[in-house]
């Protein structure tokens, strides 16, 4: 069983490029302080790295 990641949007994407906004939408983050859980897979890790300045990540067992 793989670990899960809890991702929270901590900074508004307003003023950032469309690609970063779409990455947040693809992760399921719609509004500030929204939290989602995803499997810890390389695809999700890559998405997080592109918007790391806007999100907070925590590992969940």
N, C-alpha and C. Protein backbone atom coordinates (compact mmCIF):
# COMPACT_ATOMS: atom_id res chain seq x y z
N UNK A 1 0.85 -1.18 0.00
CA UNK A 1 0.00 0.00 0.00
C UNK A 1 0.89 1.25 0.00
N UNK A 2 0.64 2.13 -0.95
CA UNK A 2 1.48 3.32 -1.04
C UNK A 2 0.97 4.41 -0.10
N UNK A 3 1.86 5.31 0.25
CA UNK A 3 1.51 6.41 1.14
C UNK A 3 0.64 7.42 0.40
N UNK A 4 0.01 8.27 1.19
CA UNK A 4 -0.82 9.32 0.60
C UNK A 4 -0.20 10.66 0.93
N UNK A 5 -0.51 11.64 0.11
CA UNK A 5 -0.06 13.01 0.33
C UNK A 5 -1.27 13.90 0.57
N UNK A 6 -1.19 14.73 1.59
CA UNK A 6 -2.24 15.71 1.85
C UNK A 6 -1.70 17.04 1.33
N UNK A 7 -2.40 17.62 0.37
CA UNK A 7 -1.95 18.85 -0.29
C UNK A 7 -2.94 19.96 0.03
N UNK A 8 -2.42 21.11 0.50
CA UNK A 8 -3.28 22.24 0.87
C UNK A 8 -2.82 23.48 0.12
N UNK A 9 -3.77 24.20 -0.45
CA UNK A 9 -3.47 25.45 -1.16
C UNK A 9 -3.34 26.57 -0.14
N UNK A 10 -2.13 27.14 -0.02
CA UNK A 10 -1.88 28.16 1.00
C UNK A 10 -1.66 29.55 0.42
N UNK A 11 -1.49 29.64 -0.90
CA UNK A 11 -1.29 30.95 -1.53
C UNK A 11 -2.13 31.02 -2.80
N UNK A 12 -2.74 32.17 -3.04
CA UNK A 12 -3.60 32.35 -4.19
C UNK A 12 -2.83 32.28 -5.50
N UNK A 13 -3.40 31.61 -6.51
CA UNK A 13 -2.74 31.53 -7.81
C UNK A 13 -2.95 32.78 -8.67
N UNK A 14 -3.66 33.77 -8.16
CA UNK A 14 -3.88 35.01 -8.92
C UNK A 14 -2.52 35.66 -9.18
N UNK A 15 -2.28 36.02 -10.42
CA UNK A 15 -1.02 36.65 -10.78
C UNK A 15 0.02 35.68 -11.29
N UNK A 16 -0.28 34.37 -11.23
CA UNK A 16 0.63 33.36 -11.75
C UNK A 16 0.12 32.90 -13.11
N UNK A 17 0.97 32.23 -13.87
CA UNK A 17 0.57 31.89 -15.23
C UNK A 17 -0.51 30.81 -15.28
N UNK A 18 -1.16 30.72 -16.41
CA UNK A 18 -2.30 29.82 -16.62
C UNK A 18 -1.92 28.37 -16.40
N UNK A 19 -0.71 28.01 -16.75
CA UNK A 19 -0.26 26.62 -16.60
C UNK A 19 -0.26 26.19 -15.13
N UNK A 20 0.18 27.09 -14.25
CA UNK A 20 0.20 26.78 -12.82
C UNK A 20 -1.23 26.71 -12.28
N UNK A 21 -2.11 27.58 -12.75
CA UNK A 21 -3.51 27.55 -12.32
C UNK A 21 -4.17 26.23 -12.74
N UNK A 22 -3.86 25.78 -13.95
CA UNK A 22 -4.43 24.52 -14.43
C UNK A 22 -3.87 23.32 -13.68
N UNK A 23 -2.63 23.40 -13.26
CA UNK A 23 -2.03 22.32 -12.47
C UNK A 23 -2.76 22.21 -11.13
N UNK A 24 -3.06 23.35 -10.51
CA UNK A 24 -3.81 23.33 -9.24
C UNK A 24 -5.19 22.74 -9.44
N UNK A 25 -5.86 23.11 -10.54
CA UNK A 25 -7.19 22.56 -10.83
C UNK A 25 -7.12 21.04 -11.03
N UNK A 26 -6.07 20.59 -11.71
CA UNK A 26 -5.90 19.16 -11.96
C UNK A 26 -5.66 18.40 -10.66
N UNK A 27 -5.04 19.05 -9.70
CA UNK A 27 -4.84 18.43 -8.39
C UNK A 27 -6.13 18.43 -7.56
N UNK A 28 -7.10 19.21 -7.98
CA UNK A 28 -8.38 19.28 -7.26
C UNK A 28 -8.46 20.44 -6.30
N UNK A 29 -7.53 21.38 -6.41
CA UNK A 29 -7.52 22.54 -5.50
C UNK A 29 -8.26 23.70 -6.17
N UNK A 30 -9.40 24.05 -5.59
CA UNK A 30 -10.25 25.06 -6.20
C UNK A 30 -10.17 26.41 -5.48
N UNK A 31 -10.07 26.38 -4.16
CA UNK A 31 -10.07 27.62 -3.39
C UNK A 31 -9.01 27.59 -2.30
N UNK A 32 -8.68 28.75 -1.76
CA UNK A 32 -7.67 28.89 -0.74
C UNK A 32 -8.00 28.01 0.47
N UNK A 33 -7.02 27.38 1.04
CA UNK A 33 -7.13 26.48 2.18
C UNK A 33 -7.81 25.15 1.86
N UNK A 34 -8.08 24.91 0.58
CA UNK A 34 -8.66 23.63 0.19
C UNK A 34 -7.61 22.54 0.39
N UNK A 35 -8.06 21.36 0.82
CA UNK A 35 -7.15 20.24 1.07
C UNK A 35 -7.63 19.04 0.28
N UNK A 36 -6.69 18.35 -0.37
CA UNK A 36 -7.00 17.12 -1.10
C UNK A 36 -5.97 16.06 -0.74
N UNK A 37 -6.33 14.80 -0.95
CA UNK A 37 -5.41 13.70 -0.72
C UNK A 37 -5.20 12.96 -2.03
N UNK A 38 -3.95 12.65 -2.33
CA UNK A 38 -3.59 11.90 -3.53
C UNK A 38 -2.59 10.82 -3.15
N UNK A 39 -2.52 9.78 -3.99
CA UNK A 39 -1.50 8.75 -3.82
C UNK A 39 -0.13 9.37 -4.07
N UNK A 40 0.87 8.87 -3.39
CA UNK A 40 2.23 9.36 -3.57
C UNK A 40 2.85 8.65 -4.78
N UNK A 41 2.62 9.21 -5.96
CA UNK A 41 3.15 8.67 -7.21
C UNK A 41 3.97 9.75 -7.91
N UNK A 42 4.88 9.37 -8.79
CA UNK A 42 5.73 10.35 -9.45
C UNK A 42 4.97 11.45 -10.21
N UNK A 43 3.84 11.12 -10.80
CA UNK A 43 3.07 12.12 -11.56
C UNK A 43 2.60 13.24 -10.62
N UNK A 44 2.06 12.86 -9.48
CA UNK A 44 1.57 13.85 -8.52
C UNK A 44 2.74 14.63 -7.93
N UNK A 45 3.85 13.96 -7.66
CA UNK A 45 5.04 14.65 -7.14
C UNK A 45 5.53 15.71 -8.12
N UNK A 46 5.48 15.40 -9.41
CA UNK A 46 5.90 16.36 -10.44
C UNK A 46 4.99 17.57 -10.48
N UNK A 47 3.68 17.32 -10.35
CA UNK A 47 2.72 18.43 -10.34
C UNK A 47 2.96 19.33 -9.12
N UNK A 48 3.22 18.71 -7.98
CA UNK A 48 3.48 19.47 -6.75
C UNK A 48 4.73 20.31 -6.90
N UNK A 49 5.76 19.76 -7.54
CA UNK A 49 7.01 20.51 -7.68
C UNK A 49 6.82 21.76 -8.54
N UNK A 50 5.88 21.73 -9.49
CA UNK A 50 5.63 22.88 -10.34
C UNK A 50 4.90 24.01 -9.62
N UNK A 51 4.15 23.67 -8.58
CA UNK A 51 3.40 24.69 -7.83
C UNK A 51 3.77 24.68 -6.35
N UNK A 52 5.01 24.28 -6.05
CA UNK A 52 5.44 24.13 -4.66
C UNK A 52 5.39 25.43 -3.87
N UNK A 53 5.48 26.57 -4.56
CA UNK A 53 5.43 27.87 -3.90
C UNK A 53 4.01 28.26 -3.50
N UNK A 54 3.01 27.49 -3.93
CA UNK A 54 1.62 27.80 -3.64
C UNK A 54 0.96 26.80 -2.70
N UNK A 55 1.59 25.65 -2.50
CA UNK A 55 0.98 24.58 -1.71
C UNK A 55 1.84 24.14 -0.54
N UNK A 56 1.19 23.43 0.37
CA UNK A 56 1.85 22.83 1.53
C UNK A 56 1.56 21.33 1.44
N UNK A 57 2.57 20.50 1.59
CA UNK A 57 2.41 19.05 1.42
C UNK A 57 2.78 18.33 2.70
N UNK A 58 1.97 17.32 3.04
CA UNK A 58 2.20 16.53 4.24
C UNK A 58 1.95 15.06 3.91
N UNK A 59 2.81 14.18 4.38
CA UNK A 59 2.60 12.74 4.14
C UNK A 59 1.65 12.17 5.18
N UNK A 60 0.74 11.32 4.71
CA UNK A 60 -0.25 10.71 5.59
C UNK A 60 -0.11 9.20 5.46
N UNK A 61 -0.18 8.49 6.58
CA UNK A 61 -0.08 7.03 6.55
C UNK A 61 -1.44 6.39 6.48
